[in-house]
Amino acid sequence: MGILDKYDESIRLSYNYAYRMLIHLKNIKDKYENLKNLDDITKEVYRDSIIKKYETLENLIWKLLSKIFKDSGLDINNPRGCYKQAFKEGLIDDIDVWNNILLSRNATAHIYSESDYEEIKENILKKYIYAMEKLLQKLASEVI
């Protein structure tokens, strides 16, 4: 097994980990949406869990893209650059959604308002999960 084989294996492992994180996030989303009569503490626990899984998934995805691009000779070591390149290569359709994914991810560390947290959670549930899943599916079929 050569160094390139090990790098391909690293990409596959990173993809598998990102995909598992997506499944965890979708499971939390499904459970949250099916709960009845939520009290404030339960809502907060689910919201925080959704946001935390989202932060982790976003981090895994841009690092996966970075590895894929590095394998093809591009050295991109930041999320914005990875998303721009993925857009150029047709891996993602809507760069605005991905810019918002990154802005929301960066904002989660500095939010002090419940309404801002709720807005990010709603964007995760309604837009970001779908975009991330679509990218991972495209990577599975075209790259990995």
C-alpha atoms as a PDB file:
ATOM      1  CA  MET A   1       0.000   0.000   0.000  1.00  0.00           C
ATOM      2  CA  GLY A   2       1.528   3.295  -1.100  1.00  0.00           C
ATOM      3  CA  ILE A   3       1.197   6.804   0.264  1.00  0.00           C
ATOM      4  CA  LEU A   4      -1.550   7.636  -2.266  1.00  0.00           C
ATOM      5  CA  ASP A   5      -3.573   4.620  -1.178  1.00  0.00           C
ATOM      6  CA  LYS A   6      -3.354   5.816   2.420  1.00  0.00           C
ATOM      7  CA  TYR A   7      -4.518   9.294   1.364  1.00  0.00           C
ATOM      8  CA  ASP A   8      -7.489   7.809  -0.507  1.00  0.00           C
ATOM      9  CA  GLU A   9      -8.295   5.823   2.610  1.00  0.00           C
ATOM     10  CA  SER A  10      -8.129   9.012   4.686  1.00  0.00           C
ATOM     11  CA  ILE A  11     -10.632  10.672   2.337  1.00  0.00           C
ATOM     12  CA  ARG A  12     -12.981   7.693   2.565  1.00  0.00           C
ATOM     13  CA  LEU A  13     -12.738   7.614   6.358  1.00  0.00           C
ATOM     14  CA  SER A  14     -13.394  11.364   6.557  1.00  0.00           C
ATOM     15  CA  TYR A  15     -16.388  10.980   4.266  1.00  0.00           C
ATOM     16  CA  ASN A  16     -17.779   8.111   6.360  1.00  0.00           C
ATOM     17  CA  TYR A  17     -17.388  10.104   9.566  1.00  0.00           C
ATOM     18  CA  ALA A  18     -19.108  13.158   8.029  1.00  0.00           C
ATOM     19  CA  TYR A  19     -21.924  10.978   6.732  1.00  0.00           C
ATOM     20  CA  ARG A  20     -22.431   9.391  10.162  1.00  0.00           C
ATOM     21  CA  MET A  21     -22.578  12.866  11.712  1.00  0.00           C
ATOM     22  CA  LEU A  22     -25.219  13.843   9.140  1.00  0.00           C
ATOM     23  CA  ILE A  23     -27.280  10.796  10.118  1.00  0.00           C
ATOM     24  CA  HIS A  24     -26.987  11.731  13.814  1.00  0.00           C
ATOM     25  CA  LEU A  25     -28.117  15.282  13.038  1.00  0.00           C
ATOM     26  CA  LYS A  26     -31.056  14.060  10.964  1.00  0.00           C
ATOM     27  CA  ASN A  27     -32.085  11.670  13.763  1.00  0.00           C
ATOM     28  CA  ILE A  28     -32.059  14.496  16.301  1.00  0.00           C
ATOM     29  CA  LYS A  29     -34.067  16.642  13.883  1.00  0.00           C
ATOM     30  CA  ASP A  30     -36.664  13.908  13.410  1.00  0.00           C
ATOM     31  CA  LYS A  31     -37.041  13.309  17.140  1.00  0.00           C
ATOM     32  CA  TYR A  32     -37.274  17.036  17.827  1.00  0.00           C
ATOM     33  CA  GLU A  33     -39.958  17.542  15.191  1.00  0.00           C
ATOM     34  CA  ASN A  34     -42.022  14.624  16.545  1.00  0.00           C
ATOM     35  CA  LEU A  35     -42.002  15.671  20.204  1.00  0.00           C
ATOM     36  CA  LYS A  36     -45.234  16.989  21.664  1.00  0.00           C
ATOM     37  CA  ASN A  37     -45.716  19.484  24.494  1.00  0.00           C
ATOM     38  CA  LEU A  38     -42.068  20.453  24.865  1.00  0.00           C
ATOM     39  CA  ASP A  39     -41.013  22.256  28.007  1.00  0.00           C
ATOM     40  CA  ASP A  40     -38.396  25.004  27.806  1.00  0.00           C
ATOM     41  CA  ILE A  41     -35.543  22.825  29.043  1.00  0.00           C
ATOM     42  CA  THR A  42     -36.248  20.075  26.506  1.00  0.00           C
ATOM     43  CA  LYS A  43     -36.438  22.642  23.693  1.00  0.00           C
ATOM     44  CA  GLU A  44     -33.123  24.111  24.768  1.00  0.00           C
ATOM     45  CA  VAL A  45     -31.428  20.709  24.998  1.00  0.00           C
ATOM     46  CA  TYR A  46     -32.596  19.734  21.514  1.00  0.00           C
ATOM     47  CA  ARG A  47     -31.702  23.139  20.052  1.00  0.00           C
ATOM     48  CA  ASP A  48     -28.229  23.014  21.548  1.00  0.00           C
ATOM     49  CA  SER A  49     -27.747  19.441  20.356  1.00  0.00           C
ATOM     50  CA  ILE A  50     -28.825  20.357  16.819  1.00  0.00           C
ATOM     51  CA  ILE A  51     -26.453  23.321  16.746  1.00  0.00           C
ATOM     52  CA  LYS A  52     -23.526  21.323  18.176  1.00  0.00           C
ATOM     53  CA  LYS A  53     -23.945  18.473  15.673  1.00  0.00           C
ATOM     54  CA  TYR A  54     -24.237  21.065  12.902  1.00  0.00           C
ATOM     55  CA  GLU A  55     -21.000  22.771  13.986  1.00  0.00           C
ATOM     56  CA  THR A  56     -19.198  19.430  13.960  1.00  0.00           C
ATOM     57  CA  LEU A  57     -20.648  18.411  10.598  1.00  0.00           C
ATOM     58  CA  GLU A  58     -19.742  21.714   8.955  1.00  0.00           C
ATOM     59  CA  ASN A  59     -16.187  21.352  10.214  1.00  0.00           C
ATOM     60  CA  LEU A  60     -15.951  17.775   8.918  1.00  0.00           C
ATOM     61  CA  ILE A  61     -17.328  18.738   5.504  1.00  0.00           C
ATOM     62  CA  TRP A  62     -14.922  21.572   4.774  1.00  0.00           C
ATOM     63  CA  LYS A  63     -11.976  19.463   5.935  1.00  0.00           C
ATOM     64  CA  LEU A  64     -13.164  16.603   3.711  1.00  0.00           C
ATOM     65  CA  LEU A  65     -13.345  19.004   0.760  1.00  0.00           C
ATOM     66  CA  SER A  66      -9.864  20.259   1.596  1.00  0.00           C
ATOM     67  CA  LYS A  67      -8.505  16.692   1.450  1.00  0.00           C
ATOM     68  CA  ILE A  68     -10.261  16.025  -1.845  1.00  0.00           C
ATOM     69  CA  PHE A  69      -8.885  19.205  -3.379  1.00  0.00           C
ATOM     70  CA  LYS A  70      -5.415  18.511  -2.011  1.00  0.00           C
ATOM     71  CA  ASP A  71      -5.552  15.090  -3.667  1.00  0.00           C
ATOM     72  CA  SER A  72      -6.162  16.867  -6.979  1.00  0.00           C
ATOM     73  CA  GLY A  73      -3.308  19.338  -6.405  1.00  0.00           C
ATOM     74  CA  LEU A  74      -5.114  22.280  -4.792  1.00  0.00           C
ATOM     75  CA  ASP A  75      -4.035  23.372  -1.340  1.00  0.00           C
ATOM     76  CA  ILE A  76      -7.113  25.043   0.204  1.00  0.00           C
ATOM     77  CA  ASN A  77      -7.040  25.255   3.981  1.00  0.00           C
ATOM     78  CA  ASN A  78     -10.136  27.260   4.889  1.00  0.00           C
ATOM     79  CA  PRO A  79     -13.867  26.656   4.662  1.00  0.00           C
ATOM     80  CA  ARG A  80     -14.714  29.633   2.432  1.00  0.00           C
ATOM     81  CA  GLY A  81     -12.077  28.628  -0.106  1.00  0.00           C
ATOM     82  CA  CYS A  82     -13.290  25.020  -0.063  1.00  0.00           C
ATOM     83  CA  TYR A  83     -16.883  26.066  -0.642  1.00  0.00           C
ATOM     84  CA  LYS A  84     -15.913  28.397  -3.494  1.00  0.00           C
ATOM     85  CA  GLN A  85     -13.916  25.633  -5.156  1.00  0.00           C
ATOM     86  CA  ALA A  86     -16.727  23.124  -4.642  1.00  0.00           C
ATOM     87  CA  PHE A  87     -19.078  25.585  -6.315  1.00  0.00           C
ATOM     88  CA  LYS A  88     -16.658  26.059  -9.240  1.00  0.00           C
ATOM     89  CA  GLU A  89     -16.450  22.297  -9.666  1.00  0.00           C
ATOM     90  CA  GLY A  90     -20.224  21.866  -9.543  1.00  0.00           C
ATOM     91  CA  LEU A  91     -20.241  19.962  -6.264  1.00  0.00           C
ATOM     92  CA  ILE A  92     -22.562  22.525  -4.691  1.00  0.00           C
ATOM     93  CA  ASP A  93     -25.348  24.383  -6.453  1.00  0.00           C
ATOM     94  CA  ASP A  94     -25.992  27.451  -4.320  1.00  0.00           C
ATOM     95  CA  ILE A  95     -22.956  29.328  -3.021  1.00  0.00           C
ATOM     96  CA  ASP A  96     -25.211  31.705  -1.064  1.00  0.00           C
ATOM     97  CA  VAL A  97     -26.531  28.840   1.081  1.00  0.00           C
ATOM     98  CA  TRP A  98     -22.966  27.712   1.764  1.00  0.00           C
ATOM     99  CA  ASN A  99     -21.883  31.249   2.634  1.00  0.00           C
ATOM    100  CA  ASN A 100     -24.776  31.318   5.109  1.00  0.00           C
ATOM    101  CA  ILE A 101     -23.785  27.907   6.442  1.00  0.00           C
ATOM    102  CA  LEU A 102     -20.332  29.302   7.175  1.00  0.00           C
ATOM    103  CA  LEU A 103     -21.638  32.582   8.623  1.00  0.00           C
ATOM    104  CA  SER A 104     -24.035  30.706  10.898  1.00  0.00           C
ATOM    105  CA  ARG A 105     -21.269  28.343  11.974  1.00  0.00           C
ATOM    106  CA  ASN A 106     -19.002  31.258  12.854  1.00  0.00           C
ATOM    107  CA  ALA A 107     -21.844  33.040  14.654  1.00  0.00           C
ATOM    108  CA  THR A 108     -22.646  30.117  16.947  1.00  0.00           C
ATOM    109  CA  ALA A 109     -19.583  30.885  19.050  1.00  0.00           C
ATOM    110  CA  HIS A 110     -20.710  34.467  19.667  1.00  0.00           C
ATOM    111  CA  ILE A 111     -24.482  34.309  20.093  1.00  0.00           C
ATOM    112  CA  TYR A 112     -25.956  35.725  23.242  1.00  0.00           C
ATOM    113  CA  SER A 113     -29.561  36.050  22.124  1.00  0.00           C
ATOM    114  CA  GLU A 114     -32.166  33.286  22.268  1.00  0.00           C
ATOM    115  CA  SER A 115     -33.817  34.587  19.106  1.00  0.00           C
ATOM    116  CA  ASP A 116     -30.518  34.397  17.181  1.00  0.00           C
ATOM    117  CA  TYR A 117     -29.998  30.814  18.384  1.00  0.00           C
ATOM    118  CA  GLU A 118     -33.517  29.929  17.290  1.00  0.00           C
ATOM    119  CA  GLU A 119     -32.987  31.508  13.871  1.00  0.00           C
ATOM    120  CA  ILE A 120     -29.813  29.489  13.284  1.00  0.00           C
ATOM    121  CA  LYS A 121     -31.542  26.308  14.473  1.00  0.00           C
ATOM    122  CA  GLU A 122     -34.413  26.904  12.045  1.00  0.00           C
ATOM    123  CA  ASN A 123     -31.977  27.497   9.167  1.00  0.00           C
ATOM    124  CA  ILE A 124     -30.185  24.273  10.048  1.00  0.00           C
ATOM    125  CA  LEU A 125     -33.440  22.334  10.065  1.00  0.00           C
ATOM    126  CA  LYS A 126     -34.940  23.905   6.935  1.00  0.00           C
ATOM    127  CA  LYS A 127     -31.946  24.599   4.672  1.00  0.00           C
ATOM    128  CA  TYR A 128     -28.519  23.518   5.851  1.00  0.00           C
ATOM    129  CA  ILE A 129     -29.135  19.822   6.497  1.00  0.00           C
ATOM    130  CA  TYR A 130     -30.516  19.444   2.991  1.00  0.00           C
ATOM    131  CA  ALA A 131     -27.546  21.267   1.414  1.00  0.00           C
ATOM    132  CA  MET A 132     -25.020  19.224   3.383  1.00  0.00           C
ATOM    133  CA  GLU A 133     -26.736  15.946   2.541  1.00  0.00           C
ATOM    134  CA  LYS A 134     -26.871  16.877  -1.133  1.00  0.00           C
ATOM    135  CA  LEU A 135     -23.133  17.632  -1.160  1.00  0.00           C
ATOM    136  CA  LEU A 136     -22.261  14.369   0.581  1.00  0.00           C
ATOM    137  CA  GLN A 137     -24.406  12.417  -1.887  1.00  0.00           C
ATOM    138  CA  LYS A 138     -22.701  14.145  -4.796  1.00  0.00           C
ATOM    139  CA  LEU A 139     -19.267  13.410  -3.343  1.00  0.00           C
ATOM    140  CA  ALA A 140     -20.215   9.752  -2.886  1.00  0.00           C
ATOM    141  CA  SER A 141     -21.314   9.391  -6.490  1.00  0.00           C
ATOM    142  CA  GLU A 142     -18.669  11.509  -8.217  1.00  0.00           C
ATOM    143  CA  VAL A 143     -15.548  11.639  -6.073  1.00  0.00           C
ATOM    144  CA  ILE A 144     -15.292   8.896  -3.468  1.00  0.00           C
END
